[in-house]
Amino acid sequence: MTDNQKTFAHDDASVVVVVGSGAGGGTLANELAQQGIDVVVLEAGALHTTADFLADEWASFAQLAWLDTRTTSGSWRIANDFPNLPAWIVKAVGGTTVHWAGASLRFQPHEFAALSTYGKVAGANLLDWPLTYNELAPYYDRAERRMGVTRTNDNKGLPGNNNFKVMYNGAKMLGYSCNTGHMAINSAPRAGRAACQQRGFCFQGCKTGAKWSTLYTELPEGIATGHLELRPESHVARIEHDERGRVTAVVYFNAEGNEQRQRARLVAVAGNSLETPRLLLNSASDLFPEGLANGSGQVGRNYMRHMTGSVYATFEEPVHMYRGTTMAGIISDEAHHDPERGFVGGYEMETLSLGLPFMAAFLDPGAWGPRFTGALDQYENMAGMWLVGEDLPQESNRVTLSPDVTDRYGLPVANVHYDDHPNDIVMREHGYRQGAELYRSVGARDIYEVPPYPSTHNLGTCRMSERPEEGVCNSYGQTHEVPNLFISDGSQFTTSGAENPTLTIVSLAIRQAEHIGQLMRQKAI
């Protein structure tokens, strides 16, 4: 993919530098390139192809996951179970769009106005987005068309596997509605890519290319314009600025470990909600002593990871939940706001299967004994779902720089501090009860309430806000303090909503690219 691309000089100060190549960065880079804007994409990970992907959970994890050391603190269980792996994200071209399951859900209108809808909640740092659903809706439309989301734009739904059929029948018993969801996975050949082959290895990279990923959609399209250069294995260390506080260059280490400096007209950071604030904090200077664009003190704060948990159940007959699309099955009946349930916001119930190795790791970390081994013995007879719900922002949930641990380049690593909000705990217990009841209604033998594991849904940490003192960037992801510095990933989310975030990240990137193009044509940046 990178063999015939145009390259740009390191001292070319006219280029836009995009840090990260996932849902936000990859989409933004292509959208800018389509406008004729020159873009350099710096990606910390290596370039893989669909032929490289491994249908083996542990081997794939070693190939794709971000395994650089991080540290954790707080009362969340992850700090004990997976202290060096607070998030399950990808370090490779395409970012976590290589690993994601494809669920593409729109935020609900009320979720853009969480403070107005829920009122003040003790311990939560709620804020309305400086953006409404109606303002983002046209970009949701564009994202759904671009990604080929099922059940939109005449794209038919995916077929239901056995895991879905168990959920569907249980949903009927509880009065819920259930279908195979809005998925950015081809249900029929589309855009030069195959239809889903139901292999069951969505998390390990889609070998057929049926699942949308910037790896083989946005980035090749951008490169083909002659306006996009992709530089894999480029680990960004810091962003530099001039005496006016305008960013001027990005310093990174290449594959050989040599320091490079790429000059820039504009920088967009899309390194996921852990690495994006880490980069800004590591870019502290005399002008920005607390970190770049951090005059508000909000960089790294309000970290959200969604309320999660899983429910698995075993049955008398085999289910083979691991066959077929991993997450093509959804119940949204609990995703509304109804404080009568004892919590604000809502949650989705989505089919989920893990392979036997990951099931052993995640079912009940550290557990052993007859119940644990009994669950693994019944693996073929197991069905499962994932609970994903709105996680309330808390200022104390934050990404900071570790005072003790540095990476191979001598840079402080990210420390991820998190405590569950009481709202999350009540919501999770509600989800466990409903999931268990659903499975019992169709004859479940054993029920397993599985604790949260490292999440791909990392949000907040550089949030949008109307007032500069309450966040880091405006509704276009443009930082309040540095006009030519943009946040282009889930870091900019003001609140988390109940929905999987990728569709919203892509929609925001399309909108951001349009805005940046206008600003550049006006010579405003």
Protein backbone atom coordinates (compact mmCIF):
# COMPACT_ATOMS: atom_id res chain seq x y z
CA MET A 1 0.00 0.00 0.00
CA THR A 2 2.86 2.41 0.74
CA ASP A 3 5.13 1.42 -2.19
CA ASN A 4 3.87 3.91 -4.78
CA GLN A 5 2.71 6.70 -2.53
CA LYS A 6 3.89 10.28 -2.84
CA THR A 7 6.25 11.34 -0.06
CA PHE A 8 6.64 14.73 1.56
CA ALA A 9 9.80 16.39 2.84
CA HIS A 10 10.34 16.61 6.58
CA ASP A 11 10.74 20.38 6.26
CA ASP A 12 7.50 20.81 4.28
CA ALA A 13 5.55 23.09 6.60
CA SER A 14 2.43 23.01 4.41
CA VAL A 15 1.30 19.50 5.32
CA VAL A 16 -1.30 18.40 7.83
CA VAL A 17 0.13 15.81 10.22
CA VAL A 18 -2.35 13.25 11.53
CA VAL A 19 -1.21 11.16 14.50
CA GLY A 20 -2.92 7.77 14.36
CA SER A 21 -4.61 5.89 11.52
CA GLY A 22 -7.74 4.43 13.11
CA ALA A 23 -11.40 5.43 12.85
CA GLY A 24 -10.70 9.10 13.51
CA GLY A 25 -7.24 9.60 12.05
CA GLY A 26 -7.63 7.37 9.01
CA THR A 27 -10.99 8.88 8.10
CA LEU A 28 -9.82 12.45 8.63
CA ALA A 29 -6.67 11.89 6.56
CA ASN A 30 -8.62 10.51 3.60
CA GLU A 31 -11.28 13.21 3.77
CA LEU A 32 -8.56 15.89 3.70
CA ALA A 33 -6.68 14.18 0.88
CA GLN A 34 -9.89 14.04 -1.17
CA GLN A 35 -9.99 17.84 -0.86
CA GLY A 36 -6.46 18.08 -2.26
CA ILE A 37 -4.86 18.79 1.11
CA ASP A 38 -1.45 17.17 1.67
CA VAL A 39 -1.40 14.87 4.69
CA VAL A 40 1.26 12.87 6.51
CA VAL A 41 -0.12 10.09 8.73
CA LEU A 42 2.16 8.95 11.54
CA GLU A 43 1.19 5.53 12.89
CA ALA A 44 3.06 3.92 15.80
CA GLY A 45 2.26 0.39 14.65
CA ALA A 46 3.31 -1.75 11.74
CA LEU A 47 1.49 -2.22 8.43
CA HIS A 48 -0.29 -5.55 8.16
CA THR A 49 -2.39 -6.88 5.30
CA THR A 50 -5.49 -9.05 5.41
CA ALA A 51 -3.23 -11.97 4.46
CA ASP A 52 -1.25 -11.43 7.68
CA PHE A 53 -4.20 -11.77 10.05
CA LEU A 54 -4.12 -14.81 12.30
CA ALA A 55 -7.13 -16.97 13.18
CA ASP A 56 -5.60 -17.64 16.60
CA GLU A 57 -6.53 -15.47 19.55
CA TRP A 58 -3.24 -15.35 21.44
CA ALA A 59 -1.07 -15.12 18.34
CA SER A 60 -3.28 -12.37 16.93
CA PHE A 61 -3.22 -10.52 20.23
CA ALA A 62 0.59 -10.55 20.15
CA GLN A 63 0.53 -9.37 16.54
CA LEU A 64 -1.98 -6.51 16.78
CA ALA A 65 -2.49 -5.33 20.35
CA TRP A 66 -0.88 -2.25 21.90
CA LEU A 67 1.39 -4.07 24.35
CA ASP A 68 3.63 -1.15 25.33
CA THR A 69 3.63 -0.84 29.09
CA ARG A 70 1.01 1.29 30.78
CA THR A 71 0.25 1.57 34.47
CA THR A 72 -3.05 1.68 36.34
CA SER A 73 -4.51 2.96 39.59
CA GLY A 74 -7.93 3.25 41.17
CA SER A 75 -10.43 0.79 42.57
CA TRP A 76 -11.53 -0.73 39.24
CA ARG A 77 -10.93 -4.44 38.90
CA ILE A 78 -8.73 -4.01 35.83
CA ALA A 79 -6.03 -2.49 38.05
CA ASN A 80 -5.72 -5.86 39.79
CA ASP A 81 -6.49 -8.27 36.97
CA PHE A 82 -4.68 -6.54 34.07
CA PRO A 83 -2.50 -3.78 35.61
CA ASN A 84 -0.39 -3.29 32.48
CA LEU A 85 -3.28 -3.60 30.02
CA PRO A 86 -6.04 -1.13 30.91
CA ALA A 87 -7.26 -1.11 27.31
CA TRP A 88 -7.47 -3.63 24.48
CA ILE A 89 -6.54 -1.50 21.49
CA VAL A 90 -4.45 -2.04 18.39
CA LYS A 91 -0.96 -0.89 17.51
CA ALA A 92 -1.02 -1.25 13.73
CA VAL A 93 -2.08 0.65 10.63
CA GLY A 94 -5.86 0.98 10.81
CA GLY A 95 -5.79 1.21 14.59
CA THR A 96 -8.61 -0.43 16.45
CA THR A 97 -10.73 -0.58 13.26
CA VAL A 98 -8.69 -3.73 12.60
CA HIS A 99 -9.94 -5.29 15.85
CA TRP A 100 -13.40 -3.80 16.36
CA ALA A 101 -16.52 -5.94 15.94
CA GLY A 102 -18.26 -3.57 13.49
CA ALA A 103 -21.22 -2.40 15.62
CA SER A 104 -22.22 1.00 14.23
CA LEU A 105 -24.81 2.75 16.38
CA ARG A 106 -25.86 6.39 16.44
CA PHE A 107 -25.95 8.28 19.71
CA GLN A 108 -29.48 9.13 20.75
CA PRO A 109 -30.47 12.82 20.75
CA HIS A 110 -30.73 13.04 24.55
CA GLU A 111 -27.18 11.69 24.96
CA PHE A 112 -25.78 14.88 23.44
CA ALA A 113 -27.47 16.77 26.28
CA ALA A 114 -26.65 14.58 29.27
CA LEU A 115 -26.51 17.37 31.85
CA SER A 116 -29.79 18.89 30.68
CA THR A 117 -31.47 15.47 30.51
CA TYR A 118 -30.14 13.81 33.66
CA GLY A 119 -29.58 16.88 35.81
CA LYS A 120 -26.60 17.11 38.11
CA VAL A 121 -25.47 13.70 39.36
CA ALA A 122 -23.30 13.57 42.49
CA GLY A 123 -19.71 12.69 41.66
CA ALA A 124 -20.20 13.09 37.92
CA ASN A 125 -18.76 15.88 35.79
CA LEU A 126 -21.65 15.95 33.32
CA LEU A 127 -21.76 18.48 30.51
CA ASP A 128 -23.88 18.92 27.39
CA TRP A 129 -22.01 18.49 24.12
CA PRO A 130 -21.47 21.75 22.20
CA LEU A 131 -23.10 19.84 19.34
CA THR A 132 -26.61 18.45 18.87
CA TYR A 133 -27.83 15.25 17.28
CA ASN A 134 -29.45 17.26 14.48
CA GLU A 135 -26.14 18.95 13.68
CA LEU A 136 -24.34 15.60 13.47
CA ALA A 137 -27.13 13.69 11.70
CA PRO A 138 -26.03 14.56 8.11
CA TYR A 139 -22.55 13.27 8.95
CA TYR A 140 -23.99 10.10 10.44
CA ASP A 141 -25.70 9.66 7.06
CA ARG A 142 -22.40 10.08 5.24
CA ALA A 143 -20.54 7.76 7.60
CA GLU A 144 -23.16 5.01 7.24
CA ARG A 145 -22.94 5.22 3.47
CA ARG A 146 -19.16 5.23 3.49
CA MET A 147 -18.90 2.31 5.92
CA GLY A 148 -21.73 0.27 4.37
CA VAL A 149 -23.63 -0.07 7.63
CA THR A 150 -26.26 -2.82 7.50
CA ARG A 151 -29.94 -1.90 7.81
CA THR A 152 -29.16 1.57 6.44
CA ASN A 153 -29.20 2.74 2.80
CA ASP A 154 -30.78 -0.53 1.60
CA ASN A 155 -27.90 -2.65 2.96
CA LYS A 156 -29.54 -5.81 4.24
CA GLY A 157 -28.88 -7.15 7.71
CA LEU A 158 -26.37 -9.88 8.44
CA PRO A 159 -27.63 -13.42 9.05
CA GLY A 160 -28.04 -14.56 12.64
CA ASN A 161 -25.75 -17.23 14.05
CA ASN A 162 -26.67 -19.59 16.88
CA ASN A 163 -25.58 -17.10 19.52
CA PHE A 164 -28.01 -14.62 18.00
CA LYS A 165 -30.81 -17.17 17.86
CA VAL A 166 -30.49 -17.86 21.58
CA MET A 167 -30.58 -14.11 22.29
CA TYR A 168 -33.48 -13.55 19.89
CA ASN A 169 -35.67 -16.21 21.48
CA GLY A 170 -34.84 -14.98 24.98
CA ALA A 171 -35.61 -11.42 23.91
CA LYS A 172 -39.07 -12.49 22.73
CA MET A 173 -39.73 -14.10 26.12
CA LEU A 174 -38.87 -10.81 27.89
CA GLY A 175 -40.77 -8.60 25.45
CA TYR A 176 -37.58 -7.14 23.98
CA SER A 177 -36.90 -6.62 20.27
CA CYS A 178 -33.75 -8.09 18.77
CA ASN A 179 -32.06 -8.09 15.36
CA THR A 180 -28.57 -8.50 13.91
CA GLY A 181 -27.95 -4.79 14.25
CA HIS A 182 -26.31 -1.96 12.38
CA MET A 183 -22.95 -3.43 11.44
CA ALA A 184 -20.18 -2.00 9.22
CA ILE A 185 -19.72 -5.46 7.74
CA ASN A 186 -20.75 -6.28 4.19
CA SER A 187 -23.83 -8.49 4.08
CA ALA A 188 -23.33 -8.63 0.30
CA PRO A 189 -20.28 -7.78 -1.85
CA ARG A 190 -19.80 -4.03 -1.79
CA ALA A 191 -17.17 -1.41 -2.65
CA GLY A 192 -14.82 -4.03 -4.07
CA ARG A 193 -14.88 -6.05 -0.84
CA ALA A 194 -16.40 -9.46 -0.16
CA ALA A 195 -19.46 -10.26 1.90
CA CYS A 196 -19.03 -11.60 5.42
CA GLN A 197 -17.98 -15.25 5.40
CA GLN A 198 -19.08 -15.82 9.03
CA ARG A 199 -15.59 -16.96 10.08
CA GLY A 200 -16.00 -15.77 13.66
CA PHE A 201 -12.64 -13.99 13.97
CA CYS A 202 -13.83 -10.37 13.81
CA PHE A 203 -11.51 -9.33 16.67
CA GLN A 204 -8.46 -10.85 14.95
CA GLY A 205 -8.77 -8.83 11.75
CA CYS A 206 -11.14 -9.56 8.87
CA LYS A 207 -9.24 -11.63 6.30
CA THR A 208 -11.93 -11.13 3.64
CA GLY A 209 -12.14 -7.37 4.10
CA ALA A 210 -15.90 -7.54 4.64
CA LYS A 211 -15.60 -5.49 7.84
CA TRP A 212 -14.89 -1.79 7.34
CA SER A 213 -11.41 -0.79 8.44
CA THR A 214 -9.38 2.28 7.55
CA LEU A 215 -6.53 -0.16 6.79
CA TYR A 216 -8.04 -1.14 3.44
CA THR A 217 -10.67 1.55 2.81
CA GLU A 218 -9.82 5.12 3.82
CA LEU A 219 -6.02 4.95 3.78
CA PRO A 220 -5.57 3.37 0.31
CA GLU A 221 -8.18 5.78 -1.08
CA GLY A 222 -6.27 8.71 0.38
CA ILE A 223 -2.91 7.45 -0.89
CA ALA A 224 -4.40 7.06 -4.38
CA THR A 225 -5.07 10.82 -4.52
CA GLY A 226 -1.36 11.60 -4.28
CA HIS A 227 -2.04 13.77 -1.25
CA LEU A 228 -1.53 11.26 1.58
CA GLU A 229 1.67 9.70 2.88
CA LEU A 230 1.43 6.92 5.45
CA ARG A 231 4.43 6.35 7.70
CA PRO A 232 4.03 3.18 9.79
CA GLU A 233 6.20 2.42 12.83
CA SER A 234 6.45 6.12 13.62
CA HIS A 235 6.06 6.62 17.36
CA VAL A 236 5.22 10.26 18.09
CA ALA A 237 7.05 11.72 21.07
CA ARG A 238 5.95 15.35 21.24
CA ILE A 239 4.41 18.26 19.37
CA GLU A 240 6.36 21.49 19.06
CA HIS A 241 5.05 25.06 18.77
CA ASP A 242 6.26 28.60 18.11
CA GLU A 243 6.32 31.60 20.42
CA ARG A 244 2.67 32.38 19.58
CA GLY A 245 1.60 28.92 20.74
CA ARG A 246 0.86 27.61 17.22
CA VAL A 247 2.02 24.06 16.55
CA THR A 248 4.85 23.84 14.05
CA ALA A 249 6.18 20.27 14.05
CA VAL A 250 5.76 16.73 15.28
CA VAL A 251 8.77 14.84 16.63
CA TYR A 252 8.69 11.05 16.29
CA PHE A 253 10.88 7.97 16.34
CA ASN A 254 10.99 5.89 13.17
CA ALA A 255 11.24 2.11 12.86
CA GLU A 256 15.00 2.25 13.46
CA GLY A 257 14.51 4.30 16.62
CA ASN A 258 15.90 7.47 15.09
CA GLU A 259 14.34 10.80 16.01
CA GLN A 260 12.62 12.60 13.14
CA ARG A 261 10.90 15.99 12.94
CA GLN A 262 8.03 16.62 10.52
CA ARG A 263 7.05 20.24 10.13
CA ALA A 264 3.32 20.94 9.91
CA ARG A 265 0.74 23.58 9.11
CA LEU A 266 -1.78 21.79 11.30
CA VAL A 267 -1.70 18.74 13.60
CA ALA A 268 -4.60 16.39 14.35
CA VAL A 269 -4.16 13.88 17.17
CA ALA A 270 -6.05 10.58 16.99
CA GLY A 271 -4.06 8.24 19.20
CA ASN A 272 -6.96 6.81 21.22
CA SER A 273 -8.06 8.31 24.54
CA LEU A 274 -4.97 7.03 26.35
CA GLU A 275 -2.19 8.03 23.97
CA THR A 276 -3.75 11.34 22.87
CA PRO A 277 -3.63 12.97 26.32
CA ARG A 278 -0.27 11.32 27.00
CA LEU A 279 1.14 13.05 23.90
CA LEU A 280 -0.25 16.44 24.91
CA LEU A 281 1.10 16.05 28.45
CA ASN A 282 4.50 14.95 27.13
CA SER A 283 4.52 18.09 24.95
CA ALA A 284 4.64 20.46 27.95
CA SER A 285 6.73 23.59 27.45
CA ASP A 286 7.39 26.96 29.06
CA LEU A 287 4.29 28.32 27.33
CA PHE A 288 2.21 25.25 28.22
CA PRO A 289 3.75 24.06 31.51
CA GLU A 290 0.88 21.66 32.30
CA GLY A 291 0.81 20.16 28.82
CA LEU A 292 -0.05 21.36 25.33
CA ALA A 293 -3.55 22.91 25.13
CA ASN A 294 -4.06 22.19 28.84
CA GLY A 295 -4.68 25.60 30.34
CA SER A 296 -8.02 24.28 31.59
CA GLY A 297 -6.36 21.37 33.38
CA GLN A 298 -8.83 19.07 31.59
CA VAL A 299 -6.38 17.15 29.40
CA GLY A 300 -6.51 13.56 30.59
CA ARG A 301 -9.56 14.08 32.81
CA ASN A 302 -13.08 12.64 32.42
CA TYR A 303 -11.79 9.30 31.16
CA MET A 304 -14.71 7.01 30.26
CA ARG A 305 -14.59 3.36 29.20
CA HIS A 306 -18.31 2.50 29.07
CA MET A 307 -20.13 0.48 31.69
CA THR A 308 -19.34 -3.09 30.62
CA GLY A 309 -19.77 -6.64 31.78
CA SER A 310 -20.75 -9.91 30.13
CA VAL A 311 -23.33 -12.60 30.73
CA TYR A 312 -22.67 -16.13 29.53
CA ALA A 313 -24.99 -19.12 29.86
CA THR A 314 -24.69 -22.83 29.14
CA PHE A 315 -27.37 -25.05 27.61
CA GLU A 316 -28.11 -28.73 27.22
CA GLU A 317 -27.32 -28.65 23.49
CA PRO A 318 -24.30 -27.18 21.64
CA VAL A 319 -24.53 -23.52 20.59
CA HIS A 320 -21.10 -22.98 18.99
CA MET A 321 -21.35 -19.24 19.69
CA TYR A 322 -17.90 -18.68 18.17
CA ARG A 323 -19.20 -19.46 14.68
CA GLY A 324 -20.45 -16.45 12.74
CA THR A 325 -20.15 -12.71 13.17
CA THR A 326 -19.05 -11.88 16.71
CA MET A 327 -21.42 -9.03 17.55
CA ALA A 328 -24.28 -9.27 15.04
CA GLY A 329 -27.08 -9.31 17.58
CA ILE A 330 -28.44 -6.44 19.64
CA ILE A 331 -31.18 -5.54 22.09
CA SER A 332 -31.62 -1.79 22.59
CA ASP A 333 -34.68 -1.83 24.85
CA GLU A 334 -32.61 -0.79 27.90
CA ALA A 335 -30.70 1.98 26.10
CA HIS A 336 -33.21 4.70 26.94
CA HIS A 337 -33.11 7.04 29.94
CA ASP A 338 -35.45 5.86 32.68
CA PRO A 339 -34.34 6.80 36.22
CA GLU A 340 -37.07 4.56 37.63
CA ARG A 341 -34.58 1.72 37.14
CA GLY A 342 -32.27 3.36 39.68
CA PHE A 343 -29.72 4.87 37.29
CA VAL A 344 -29.42 7.54 34.61
CA GLY A 345 -28.68 6.69 30.99
CA GLY A 346 -29.01 3.23 29.53
CA TYR A 347 -27.20 0.25 28.05
CA GLU A 348 -27.16 -2.05 25.04
CA MET A 349 -27.09 -5.87 25.08
CA GLU A 350 -24.96 -7.27 22.25
CA THR A 351 -24.00 -10.80 21.28
CA LEU A 352 -20.41 -11.63 22.13
CA SER A 353 -18.26 -14.69 21.86
CA LEU A 354 -14.70 -15.22 22.97
CA GLY A 355 -12.51 -18.11 21.89
CA LEU A 356 -11.54 -20.67 24.48
CA PRO A 357 -8.15 -19.05 25.29
CA PHE A 358 -9.70 -15.64 25.96
CA MET A 359 -12.63 -17.19 27.79
CA ALA A 360 -10.15 -18.81 30.15
CA ALA A 361 -8.44 -15.44 30.69
CA PHE A 362 -11.53 -13.25 31.05
CA LEU A 363 -14.30 -15.42 32.52
CA ASP A 364 -13.17 -14.83 36.10
CA PRO A 365 -9.53 -13.70 36.19
CA GLY A 366 -7.53 -15.56 38.80
CA ALA A 367 -10.31 -18.07 39.47
CA TRP A 368 -9.90 -21.83 39.56
CA GLY A 369 -11.92 -24.77 40.81
CA PRO A 370 -14.94 -26.77 39.70
CA ARG A 371 -17.17 -23.84 38.65
CA PHE A 372 -14.43 -22.33 36.49
CA THR A 373 -13.37 -25.60 34.88
CA GLY A 374 -17.03 -26.61 34.54
CA ALA A 375 -17.68 -23.48 32.47
CA LEU A 376 -14.77 -24.24 30.14
CA ASP A 377 -15.89 -27.86 29.83
CA GLN A 378 -19.27 -26.56 28.60
CA TYR A 379 -17.74 -24.07 26.17
CA GLU A 380 -19.43 -25.52 23.05
CA ASN A 381 -22.82 -25.27 24.80
CA MET A 382 -22.34 -21.62 25.77
CA ALA A 383 -24.06 -18.43 24.58
CA GLY A 384 -22.92 -14.94 25.51
CA MET A 385 -23.69 -11.25 25.49
CA TRP A 386 -21.84 -8.04 26.26
CA LEU A 387 -23.39 -5.20 28.21
CA VAL A 388 -22.30 -1.74 27.10
CA GLY A 389 -23.75 1.35 28.73
CA GLU A 390 -23.22 5.00 29.46
CA ASP A 391 -20.28 5.65 31.78
CA LEU A 392 -20.51 8.99 33.56
CA PRO A 393 -17.49 11.31 33.31
CA GLN A 394 -15.62 11.94 36.54
CA GLU A 395 -12.79 14.47 36.80
CA SER A 396 -10.81 12.07 38.97
CA ASN A 397 -10.94 9.35 36.30
CA ARG A 398 -7.98 10.43 34.28
CA VAL A 399 -4.91 9.66 32.23
CA THR A 400 -1.70 11.11 33.66
CA LEU A 401 2.00 10.54 33.08
CA SER A 402 3.50 7.77 35.17
CA PRO A 403 6.05 9.24 37.61
CA ASP A 404 8.12 6.05 37.58
CA VAL A 405 7.77 4.17 34.28
CA THR A 406 9.11 5.22 30.89
CA ASP A 407 8.94 3.59 27.47
CA ARG A 408 11.81 2.51 25.23
CA TYR A 409 12.30 6.12 24.15
CA GLY A 410 12.50 7.43 27.70
CA LEU A 411 9.03 8.98 27.61
CA PRO A 412 6.73 8.65 30.65
CA VAL A 413 3.98 6.12 29.94
CA ALA A 414 0.28 6.69 30.52
CA ASN A 415 -1.16 5.90 33.93
CA VAL A 416 -4.87 5.17 33.75
CA HIS A 417 -6.82 5.91 36.94
CA TYR A 418 -10.43 4.80 37.14
CA ASP A 419 -13.12 4.23 39.75
CA ASP A 420 -16.62 3.04 38.91
CA HIS A 421 -19.30 5.65 39.47
CA PRO A 422 -22.17 4.29 41.62
CA ASN A 423 -24.41 4.76 38.58
CA ASP A 424 -22.25 2.30 36.62
CA ILE A 425 -22.48 -0.30 39.38
CA VAL A 426 -26.29 -0.14 39.60
CA MET A 427 -26.58 -0.23 35.80
CA ARG A 428 -24.24 -3.24 35.55
CA GLU A 429 -26.23 -5.16 38.16
CA HIS A 430 -29.42 -4.38 36.24
CA GLY A 431 -27.80 -5.68 33.07
CA TYR A 432 -26.62 -8.83 34.79
CA ARG A 433 -30.16 -9.50 36.06
CA GLN A 434 -31.79 -8.90 32.68
CA GLY A 435 -29.20 -10.96 30.82
CA ALA A 436 -29.56 -13.85 33.25
CA GLU A 437 -33.36 -13.68 33.04
CA LEU A 438 -33.19 -13.71 29.25
CA TYR A 439 -31.08 -16.86 29.19
CA ARG A 440 -33.09 -18.59 31.91
CA SER A 441 -36.25 -17.97 29.89
CA VAL A 442 -34.88 -20.23 27.15
CA GLY A 443 -33.60 -23.00 29.40
CA ALA A 444 -30.11 -21.94 30.52
CA ARG A 445 -28.34 -24.41 32.77
CA ASP A 446 -25.61 -22.22 34.34
CA ILE A 447 -25.27 -18.43 34.29
CA TYR A 448 -21.93 -16.60 34.52
CA GLU A 449 -21.73 -12.90 35.31
CA VAL A 450 -18.36 -11.90 33.89
CA PRO A 451 -16.57 -8.77 35.18
CA PRO A 452 -15.36 -6.03 32.82
CA TYR A 453 -12.19 -6.71 30.89
CA PRO A 454 -9.83 -4.29 29.12
CA SER A 455 -12.06 -2.18 26.90
CA THR A 456 -11.70 -0.88 23.37
CA HIS A 457 -14.16 1.92 24.18
CA ASN A 458 -11.88 4.59 25.60
CA LEU A 459 -13.47 8.03 25.61
CA GLY A 460 -13.12 11.52 27.03
CA THR A 461 -9.73 12.85 28.24
CA CYS A 462 -9.77 15.82 25.79
CA ARG A 463 -13.46 16.57 25.74
CA MET A 464 -15.47 19.05 23.71
CA SER A 465 -16.92 22.00 25.58
CA GLU A 466 -18.60 25.28 24.81
CA ARG A 467 -16.55 27.06 27.49
CA PRO A 468 -12.75 26.66 27.31
CA GLU A 469 -12.42 26.19 31.07
CA GLU A 470 -14.63 23.07 30.97
CA GLY A 471 -12.86 21.10 28.27
CA VAL A 472 -10.07 20.94 25.73
CA CYS A 473 -11.65 21.45 22.28
CA ASN A 474 -14.68 22.93 20.56
CA SER A 475 -17.40 21.12 18.62
CA TYR A 476 -15.04 20.62 15.67
CA GLY A 477 -12.29 19.10 17.81
CA GLN A 478 -10.23 22.30 17.50
CA THR A 479 -8.40 22.91 20.77
CA HIS A 480 -9.49 26.04 22.60
CA GLU A 481 -5.93 27.28 23.12
CA VAL A 482 -4.12 26.20 19.95
CA PRO A 483 -6.07 26.98 16.75
CA ASN A 484 -4.06 24.64 14.51
CA LEU A 485 -4.22 21.66 16.86
CA PHE A 486 -7.20 19.28 16.61
CA ILE A 487 -8.41 16.24 18.55
CA SER A 488 -9.77 13.64 16.14
CA ASP A 489 -10.67 10.51 18.11
CA GLY A 490 -12.91 9.40 20.99
CA SER A 491 -10.94 11.67 23.33
CA GLN A 492 -13.20 14.53 22.25
CA PHE A 493 -16.41 12.87 23.50
CA THR A 494 -18.09 15.04 26.13
CA THR A 495 -20.07 12.09 27.46
CA SER A 496 -20.05 8.42 26.48
CA GLY A 497 -23.63 7.55 25.53
CA ALA A 498 -24.72 3.91 25.57
CA GLU A 499 -23.58 3.12 22.04
CA ASN A 500 -20.39 1.70 20.57
CA PRO A 501 -18.41 4.83 19.62
CA THR A 502 -16.86 4.13 16.21
CA LEU A 503 -19.69 5.46 14.02
CA THR A 504 -19.70 8.71 15.99
CA ILE A 505 -15.89 9.01 15.75
CA VAL A 506 -16.07 8.58 11.96
CA SER A 507 -18.96 11.06 11.66
CA LEU A 508 -17.08 13.65 13.70
CA ALA A 509 -13.97 13.12 11.55
CA ILE A 510 -15.93 13.74 8.34
CA ARG A 511 -17.39 16.91 9.85
CA GLN A 512 -13.97 17.99 11.15
CA ALA A 513 -12.34 17.50 7.75
CA GLU A 514 -14.97 19.66 6.10
CA HIS A 515 -14.35 22.38 8.70
CA ILE A 516 -10.56 22.20 8.40
CA GLY A 517 -10.82 22.47 4.62
CA GLN A 518 -12.91 25.63 4.97
CA LEU A 519 -10.48 27.15 7.48
CA MET A 520 -7.49 26.38 5.26
CA ARG A 521 -9.13 27.85 2.17
CA GLN A 522 -9.90 30.97 4.19
CA LYS A 523 -6.28 30.96 5.42
CA ALA A 524 -7.63 31.08 8.97
CA ILE A 525 -5.15 28.38 9.96
